[in-house]
Structures are given as C-alpha cells and as structure tokens.
Amino acid sequence: MIEIFEDRVQYDCLPDCTQGIAQVCKIMNMPSNNKVLNLGLLYSHIGMFDYNQHTYRNAVNYLNYTSFEDLFRAAMRSWFWQTCNEFGFYATTDSGNSFFGSKIPLNYYIDLCMDVFGNEYNVDHIKAGIENTLKLYGGTENYNGTNVIAPRGSIDPWSALALKASDNPTVIPYLIEEGH
C-alpha cells in the first residue's frame, strides 16, 4: 500500500493525471468515519492490484537483474547502486510520525544493499560512499562541479538534495515548475 503513495509523490501525473498527488489527496480526504475505506477506494482507483505481491525477496530478485533487455529494471538497479555507493538517500518510516507506522526502517535499505550487491555494502560502506561523494562534489552548499545544468522539479521528493543556487556562472541550477 505504501508504494501507491510513494509512486504518486515521486511521479505525480505519470502515467496520467487521473492518478496524481491531487487525486490521492482528494480520495484520502473524502469524508469518512473509517479512513481504511478511503484506502480501499484509493487502492481500487489506482488499479494496482499487484501491490500485495511486493515482498522483500521480490525486491532483491528485481534488483538482481543484470541484463539490459528491460531498460527500466536496469535503470532501477543502477539507481539503487548509486544509493548504496554515493548518497544513501532513502525514504524510510523511521521518523515515528508516518501514517504507515515503522514498516520501512533504514535497515531495510542497508540489508537490501547487502543482499543485492554483497555483504561489503554494509552501513560503513554506505557512510564512506556518502563522505567520498561529498568530498568529491562538495554537496549542495559548496558544490564544486563545472559546466553543469542542475535541474530539479518543484514536486520532486528528491529535490532536498538538489542544487538551488550557485555563484559559478558555469553551474546553472534550473527549477522545473511542477516537474519531477
């Protein structure tokens, strides 16, 4: 169920605007004495009945795909490799304020890194990778790249990591309104 919300926030109107953030909020905010009924309505509206098939083992198997025949899967593996090696920015429910409880702690992703790429991809490896990335590129506060256009979308949940300003004329932060 949590993936319905993750996908809508991440991609908003993809594949179409009948299933975007505004529609999810509209359904979840409908008057009801039982918000579980709103969740059921959302679940049926989105039409993603295979969401109950998502298990940890399925995630590992999905990310262990090493062919380029399915480019989306190859891209997901590449993206996940980056999170395990370079920036470790994970969406968790560790805050304690989540509608979903604490079902997806940070350790879920650390375990996933190890199960997909090997035991050496542990928390120390991830921390070291983040430190190396910050040392190499400087992070958003002191970015030291050159000749870069740095786009970010106004509704992109990853925009917290995005470069928002630069004193370097060869580095151009670019905001895409309502973009991912």
Protein backbone atom coordinates (compact mmCIF):
# COMPACT_ATOMS: atom_id res chain seq x y z
CA MET A 1 0.00 0.00 0.00
CA ILE A 2 2.81 2.42 0.82
CA GLU A 3 4.11 2.14 -2.74
CA ILE A 4 0.93 3.70 -4.09
CA PHE A 5 1.78 6.86 -2.14
CA GLU A 6 5.49 6.69 -2.97
CA ASP A 7 4.83 6.35 -6.69
CA ARG A 8 2.30 9.20 -6.77
CA VAL A 9 4.60 11.57 -4.90
CA GLN A 10 7.62 10.56 -6.97
CA TYR A 11 5.97 10.70 -10.39
CA ASP A 12 2.73 12.68 -9.82
CA CYS A 13 0.90 12.65 -13.15
CA LEU A 14 2.67 9.70 -14.72
CA PRO A 15 1.23 7.76 -16.43
CA ASP A 16 -1.65 10.27 -16.41
CA CYS A 17 -3.19 12.94 -14.19
CA THR A 18 -6.08 10.74 -13.09
CA GLN A 19 -3.74 9.14 -10.54
CA GLY A 20 -1.56 12.04 -9.36
CA ILE A 21 -0.96 13.65 -5.99
CA ALA A 22 -4.12 15.78 -6.15
CA GLN A 23 -6.29 12.72 -6.82
CA VAL A 24 -4.69 10.74 -3.98
CA CYS A 25 -5.29 13.65 -1.59
CA LYS A 26 -8.88 14.03 -2.80
CA ILE A 27 -9.65 10.37 -2.12
CA MET A 28 -7.84 10.26 1.23
CA ASN A 29 -9.59 13.46 2.40
CA MET A 30 -13.09 12.33 1.49
CA PRO A 31 -15.43 12.47 4.50
CA SER A 32 -15.49 9.06 6.12
CA ASN A 33 -15.89 7.56 9.54
CA ASN A 34 -13.35 4.92 8.56
CA LYS A 35 -10.22 6.03 6.70
CA VAL A 36 -9.46 2.39 5.86
CA LEU A 37 -12.41 2.65 3.44
CA ASN A 38 -10.65 5.62 1.81
CA LEU A 39 -7.52 3.47 1.44
CA GLY A 40 -9.59 0.73 -0.18
CA LEU A 41 -11.11 3.23 -2.59
CA LEU A 42 -7.66 4.57 -3.43
CA TYR A 43 -6.35 1.05 -3.94
CA SER A 44 -9.14 0.23 -6.38
CA HIS A 45 -8.91 3.64 -8.13
CA ILE A 46 -5.21 3.25 -8.82
CA GLY A 47 -5.87 -0.22 -10.21
CA MET A 48 -2.61 -1.65 -8.91
CA PHE A 49 -3.88 -4.92 -7.54
CA ASP A 50 -0.41 -6.48 -7.77
CA TYR A 51 0.88 -4.27 -4.94
CA ASN A 52 0.22 -7.07 -2.46
CA GLN A 53 2.86 -9.13 -4.29
CA HIS A 54 5.70 -6.88 -3.15
CA THR A 55 7.91 -8.74 -0.72
CA TYR A 56 11.50 -8.24 0.36
CA ARG A 57 12.58 -11.32 -1.62
CA ASN A 58 10.84 -9.98 -4.75
CA ALA A 59 12.67 -6.66 -4.32
CA VAL A 60 16.01 -8.47 -4.10
CA ASN A 61 15.20 -10.56 -7.17
CA TYR A 62 14.05 -7.48 -9.10
CA LEU A 63 17.24 -5.57 -8.29
CA ASN A 64 19.47 -8.56 -9.07
CA TYR A 65 18.51 -8.24 -12.73
CA THR A 66 21.73 -7.58 -14.66
CA SER A 67 20.55 -7.60 -18.28
CA PHE A 68 19.74 -4.53 -20.37
CA GLU A 69 16.80 -6.17 -22.14
CA ASP A 70 14.44 -4.48 -19.68
CA LEU A 71 15.81 -0.93 -19.52
CA PHE A 72 13.57 0.15 -16.65
CA ARG A 73 14.83 -2.68 -14.44
CA ALA A 74 18.42 -1.94 -15.46
CA ALA A 75 17.87 1.72 -14.56
CA MET A 76 16.39 0.78 -11.19
CA ARG A 77 19.41 -1.39 -10.41
CA SER A 78 21.76 1.44 -11.42
CA TRP A 79 19.83 3.93 -9.30
CA PHE A 80 19.88 1.60 -6.31
CA TRP A 81 23.62 1.01 -6.77
CA GLN A 82 24.11 4.78 -6.56
CA THR A 83 22.19 4.94 -3.30
CA CYS A 84 24.33 2.14 -1.85
CA ASN A 85 27.59 3.75 -3.04
CA GLU A 86 27.23 7.50 -3.36
CA PHE A 87 24.42 9.19 -1.46
CA GLY A 88 22.28 6.78 0.58
CA PHE A 89 19.16 8.95 0.43
CA TYR A 90 16.36 6.54 1.40
CA ALA A 91 12.65 7.05 2.03
CA THR A 92 12.02 5.48 5.43
CA THR A 93 9.31 5.49 8.06
CA ASP A 94 11.86 5.96 10.88
CA SER A 95 10.51 9.37 11.96
CA GLY A 96 7.76 7.76 14.04
CA ASN A 97 5.20 10.13 12.50
CA SER A 98 4.32 8.03 9.48
CA PHE A 99 0.79 7.08 8.56
CA PHE A 100 2.30 3.66 7.81
CA GLY A 101 3.98 3.11 11.17
CA SER A 102 7.60 1.96 11.06
CA LYS A 103 7.42 -0.76 8.42
CA ILE A 104 10.33 0.58 6.33
CA PRO A 105 13.28 1.42 8.60
CA LEU A 106 16.69 2.49 7.33
CA ASN A 107 17.98 -1.03 7.99
CA TYR A 108 15.63 -2.31 5.28
CA TYR A 109 17.72 -0.45 2.67
CA ILE A 110 21.04 -1.39 4.24
CA ASP A 111 20.00 -5.05 4.18
CA LEU A 112 18.80 -4.64 0.60
CA CYS A 113 22.18 -3.17 -0.44
CA MET A 114 23.95 -6.17 1.09
CA ASP A 115 21.54 -8.73 -0.36
CA VAL A 116 21.74 -7.26 -3.86
CA PHE A 117 25.42 -6.25 -4.11
CA GLY A 118 27.16 -8.28 -1.40
CA ASN A 119 27.87 -8.15 2.33
CA GLU A 120 30.55 -5.48 1.88
CA TYR A 121 27.76 -2.99 1.04
CA ASN A 122 27.01 -2.51 4.74
CA VAL A 123 26.29 0.66 6.70
CA ASP A 124 30.01 1.54 6.94
CA HIS A 125 30.38 1.20 3.17
CA ILE A 126 27.34 3.41 2.56
CA LYS A 127 28.60 6.08 5.01
CA ALA A 128 32.06 6.05 3.42
CA GLY A 129 30.47 6.40 -0.04
CA ILE A 130 28.46 9.41 1.10
CA GLU A 131 31.59 11.01 2.58
CA ASN A 132 33.53 10.39 -0.65
CA THR A 133 30.74 11.87 -2.76
CA LEU A 134 30.59 14.97 -0.58
CA LYS A 135 34.40 15.30 -0.69
CA LEU A 136 34.46 14.93 -4.48
CA TYR A 137 31.48 17.13 -5.38
CA GLY A 138 31.06 19.31 -2.31
CA GLY A 139 27.33 18.78 -1.71
CA THR A 140 24.64 21.39 -2.32
CA GLU A 141 26.15 24.04 -0.04
CA ASN A 142 29.62 24.06 -1.59
CA TYR A 143 29.23 22.30 -4.94
CA ASN A 144 32.48 22.41 -6.90
CA GLY A 145 31.50 20.98 -10.29
CA THR A 146 31.79 23.00 -13.50
CA ASN A 147 29.84 23.19 -16.75
CA VAL A 148 26.69 21.72 -15.20
CA ILE A 149 22.99 22.34 -15.61
CA ALA A 150 21.39 21.07 -12.41
CA PRO A 151 17.63 20.55 -12.92
CA ARG A 152 15.20 19.90 -10.09
CA GLY A 153 11.44 19.56 -10.08
CA SER A 154 9.26 21.54 -7.71
CA ILE A 155 7.34 18.38 -6.76
CA ASP A 156 10.31 16.02 -6.85
CA PRO A 157 10.74 14.39 -3.42
CA TRP A 158 14.49 14.18 -4.12
CA SER A 159 14.74 17.96 -4.58
CA ALA A 160 16.02 18.24 -1.00
CA LEU A 161 19.33 17.02 -2.44
CA ALA A 162 19.25 19.41 -5.40
CA LEU A 163 21.47 22.39 -6.06
CA LYS A 164 19.37 25.53 -5.66
CA ALA A 165 21.91 28.31 -6.24
CA SER A 166 25.46 28.77 -7.49
CA ASP A 167 27.99 31.59 -7.66
CA ASN A 168 29.76 29.79 -10.52
CA PRO A 169 28.48 31.03 -13.92
CA THR A 170 29.14 27.59 -15.46
CA VAL A 171 26.81 25.90 -12.94
CA ILE A 172 23.15 26.61 -13.64
CA PRO A 173 20.51 25.39 -11.17
CA TYR A 174 17.23 25.06 -13.06
CA LEU A 175 13.80 24.69 -11.46
CA ILE A 176 11.13 22.84 -13.44
CA GLU A 177 7.76 24.02 -12.06
CA GLU A 178 5.53 21.10 -11.15
CA GLY A 179 8.17 18.81 -12.60
CA HIS A 180 9.71 15.64 -11.36
